[in-house]
Amino acid sequence: MKVYIIGIRDNAEEFKKVEYLLKKEGHAPVNPLKVIQALPEEITNADFTIIAFELIKICDAVYLLEGWEKDLLSRMEFAQAEREEKVILK
């Protein structure tokens, strides 16, 4: 199952930890921090929101990191996942 990780972007270690655990369980994690790093500097937060929504569309589920609800982009990603009727993992 492809799983998009949602959380506060300041906590890279949590993203890595969950990515590792999801791989170990046989899933294909989509870590947005890795995606961001691969993009040109000219890509804005607004641009990335569009990319994130498209990534969520191709995933089967999303994984919510602790504290995700405190971040605007994370809340927007969660709302998109709900609209797309994705499986929600914690």
Protein backbone atom coordinates (compact mmCIF):
# COMPACT_ATOMS: atom_id res chain seq x y z
CA MET A 1 0.00 0.00 0.00
CA LYS A 2 1.31 3.48 -0.89
CA VAL A 3 1.19 5.71 2.20
CA TYR A 4 1.66 9.50 2.23
CA ILE A 5 3.11 10.80 5.51
CA ILE A 6 1.42 13.90 6.98
CA GLY A 7 3.08 15.94 9.72
CA ILE A 8 4.88 19.09 10.76
CA ARG A 9 7.81 19.53 8.36
CA ASP A 10 10.19 20.63 11.14
CA ASN A 11 10.39 17.10 12.51
CA ALA A 12 12.47 15.27 9.88
CA GLU A 13 13.41 12.49 12.31
CA GLU A 14 9.77 11.49 12.80
CA PHE A 15 9.26 11.34 9.03
CA LYS A 16 12.34 9.08 8.69
CA LYS A 17 11.23 6.85 11.57
CA VAL A 18 7.72 6.34 10.17
CA GLU A 19 9.08 5.86 6.65
CA TYR A 20 11.32 3.07 7.96
CA LEU A 21 8.47 1.42 9.90
CA LEU A 22 6.11 1.57 6.92
CA LYS A 23 8.75 -0.02 4.67
CA LYS A 24 9.33 -2.72 7.26
CA GLU A 25 5.58 -3.49 7.19
CA GLY A 26 5.74 -3.86 3.39
CA HIS A 27 4.26 -0.49 2.44
CA ALA A 28 5.61 2.08 -0.02
CA PRO A 29 5.92 5.31 2.01
CA VAL A 30 5.78 8.70 0.32
CA ASN A 31 7.87 11.08 2.39
CA PRO A 32 7.08 14.69 1.36
CA LEU A 33 10.36 15.93 2.87
CA LYS A 34 12.27 13.87 0.31
CA VAL A 35 10.07 15.19 -2.47
CA ILE A 36 10.65 18.80 -1.37
CA GLN A 37 14.42 18.27 -1.37
CA ALA A 38 14.32 17.05 -4.97
CA LEU A 39 12.48 20.14 -6.25
CA PRO A 40 14.05 23.40 -7.48
CA GLU A 41 14.29 26.27 -5.00
CA GLU A 42 11.76 28.25 -7.05
CA ILE A 43 8.94 25.91 -6.01
CA THR A 44 6.86 27.81 -3.45
CA ASN A 45 4.77 26.43 -0.58
CA ALA A 46 1.68 27.05 -2.70
CA ASP A 47 3.24 25.06 -5.55
CA PHE A 48 4.09 22.23 -3.19
CA THR A 49 0.53 22.10 -1.89
CA ILE A 50 -0.61 21.21 -5.40
CA ILE A 51 2.10 18.55 -5.64
CA ALA A 52 1.16 17.16 -2.21
CA PHE A 53 -2.50 16.84 -3.20
CA GLU A 54 -1.52 14.95 -6.35
CA LEU A 55 0.72 12.63 -4.31
CA ILE A 56 -2.17 11.95 -1.93
CA LYS A 57 -4.36 11.07 -4.93
CA ILE A 58 -2.02 8.27 -6.00
CA CYS A 59 -1.65 6.87 -2.48
CA ASP A 60 -3.93 4.34 -0.81
CA ALA A 61 -3.56 5.80 2.68
CA VAL A 62 -2.08 8.60 4.74
CA TYR A 63 -0.15 8.30 8.00
CA LEU A 64 -0.65 11.07 10.57
CA LEU A 65 2.39 12.00 12.64
CA GLU A 66 1.79 13.27 16.15
CA GLY A 67 0.96 16.98 16.19
CA TRP A 68 -0.09 17.12 12.53
CA GLU A 69 -3.24 19.08 13.45
CA LYS A 70 -1.10 22.07 14.56
CA ASP A 71 0.15 22.70 11.02
CA LEU A 72 -1.95 24.40 8.31
CA LEU A 73 -0.51 22.42 5.38
CA SER A 74 -0.96 19.16 7.28
CA ARG A 75 -4.60 20.00 7.96
CA MET A 76 -5.09 20.78 4.27
CA GLU A 77 -3.45 17.46 3.32
CA PHE A 78 -5.68 15.61 5.79
CA ALA A 79 -8.79 17.29 4.35
CA GLN A 80 -7.68 16.22 0.86
CA ALA A 81 -7.17 12.65 2.09
CA GLU A 82 -10.67 12.64 3.57
CA ARG A 83 -12.15 13.95 0.30
CA GLU A 84 -10.34 11.18 -1.54
CA GLU A 85 -11.60 8.65 1.06
CA LYS A 86 -8.09 7.43 1.86
CA VAL A 87 -7.33 5.03 4.69
CA ILE A 88 -6.12 7.02 7.72
CA LEU A 89 -3.26 5.48 9.74
CA LYS A 90 -1.74 6.71 13.01
